Amino acid sequence: MDNSIIIVLGMILLILIMLNHLNIVIDHNQQKPPLHSSCTQTSFGCCPDGVNSKINFYGTNCPGYKPPQPPQPPQPPQQPQPKKH
């Protein structure tokens, strides 16, 4: 029984040593927008694409801008139907 515990602990130690030497490869060649682009220095900031500058608070000049839908007018309450006798 003592030998099996030593073997199991030795295998766990071996696995931990192997995991310690495992190198994770990270691809640093992915293109990201620059963190300090010129649009960050404008009055209204950047469009969602991170490249173009907004010309107003809503970003109506931004690519893919969709104007907000106007609110629906309130519907008048329905009148109760008269009861038939």
Protein backbone atom coordinates (compact mmCIF):
# COMPACT_ATOMS: atom_id res chain seq x y z
CA MET A 1 0.00 0.00 0.00
CA ASP A 2 2.82 2.40 0.82
CA ASN A 3 4.43 1.75 -2.57
CA SER A 4 1.22 2.62 -4.45
CA ILE A 5 0.89 5.93 -2.59
CA ILE A 6 4.49 6.80 -3.43
CA ILE A 7 3.90 5.91 -7.10
CA VAL A 8 0.72 8.03 -7.29
CA LEU A 9 2.39 11.00 -5.60
CA GLY A 10 5.39 10.62 -7.92
CA MET A 11 3.13 10.66 -10.97
CA ILE A 12 1.31 13.76 -9.70
CA LEU A 13 4.66 15.45 -9.11
CA LEU A 14 5.81 14.52 -12.61
CA ILE A 15 2.61 15.94 -14.15
CA LEU A 16 3.00 19.19 -12.20
CA ILE A 17 6.63 19.53 -13.33
CA MET A 18 5.57 18.97 -16.96
CA LEU A 19 2.78 21.55 -16.66
CA ASN A 20 5.23 24.03 -15.16
CA HIS A 21 7.41 23.80 -18.27
CA LEU A 22 4.50 24.06 -20.70
CA ASN A 23 4.76 27.15 -22.89
CA ILE A 24 1.60 28.84 -24.08
CA VAL A 25 1.98 30.47 -27.47
CA ILE A 26 0.21 33.82 -27.82
CA ASP A 27 -0.19 35.39 -31.25
CA HIS A 28 0.89 39.01 -30.89
CA ASN A 29 0.40 39.69 -34.61
CA GLN A 30 -3.34 40.35 -34.30
CA GLN A 31 -4.15 43.83 -35.53
CA LYS A 32 -5.88 45.99 -32.97
CA PRO A 33 -6.97 49.59 -33.35
CA PRO A 34 -4.51 51.99 -31.74
CA LEU A 35 -5.39 52.90 -28.17
CA HIS A 36 -4.68 56.59 -28.68
CA SER A 37 -6.16 57.30 -32.08
CA SER A 38 -7.02 60.83 -33.13
CA CYS A 39 -10.74 60.28 -32.54
CA THR A 40 -10.18 59.98 -28.78
CA GLN A 41 -9.11 63.61 -28.71
CA THR A 42 -12.33 64.94 -30.30
CA SER A 43 -15.31 66.48 -28.52
CA PHE A 44 -17.61 63.49 -28.97
CA GLY A 45 -15.07 60.64 -29.08
CA CYS A 46 -14.92 57.66 -31.40
CA CYS A 47 -17.52 55.77 -33.38
CA PRO A 48 -18.03 52.13 -32.39
CA ASP A 49 -15.50 51.13 -35.07
CA GLY A 50 -12.76 52.90 -33.07
CA VAL A 51 -11.48 54.73 -36.15
CA ASN A 52 -13.91 57.47 -37.15
CA SER A 53 -14.72 60.51 -35.03
CA LYS A 54 -18.27 61.31 -34.00
CA ILE A 55 -19.57 64.71 -35.13
CA ASN A 56 -22.25 64.78 -32.43
CA PHE A 57 -23.29 62.96 -29.26
CA TYR A 58 -25.32 60.38 -31.17
CA GLY A 59 -22.66 59.58 -33.78
CA THR A 60 -25.00 60.09 -36.73
CA ASN A 61 -22.01 60.10 -39.09
CA CYS A 62 -20.68 56.73 -37.90
CA PRO A 63 -20.71 53.76 -40.27
CA GLY A 64 -23.75 51.59 -39.58
CA TYR A 65 -25.58 54.27 -37.59
CA LYS A 66 -29.26 53.47 -37.13
CA PRO A 67 -31.46 56.25 -35.83
CA PRO A 68 -33.46 55.38 -32.72
CA GLN A 69 -37.09 54.49 -33.24
CA PRO A 70 -39.49 57.20 -32.06
CA PRO A 71 -41.61 56.17 -29.09
CA GLN A 72 -45.06 54.89 -29.90
CA PRO A 73 -47.88 57.24 -28.90
CA PRO A 74 -49.91 55.96 -25.96
CA GLN A 75 -53.03 54.05 -26.91
CA PRO A 76 -56.32 55.25 -25.44
CA PRO A 77 -57.75 52.86 -22.88
CA GLN A 78 -60.36 50.50 -24.21
CA GLN A 79 -63.91 51.15 -23.17
CA PRO A 80 -65.56 48.30 -21.30
CA GLN A 81 -68.12 46.46 -23.36
CA PRO A 82 -71.71 46.83 -22.12
CA LYS A 83 -73.07 43.69 -20.54
CA LYS A 84 -75.85 41.94 -22.36
CA HIS A 85 -78.77 40.74 -20.25
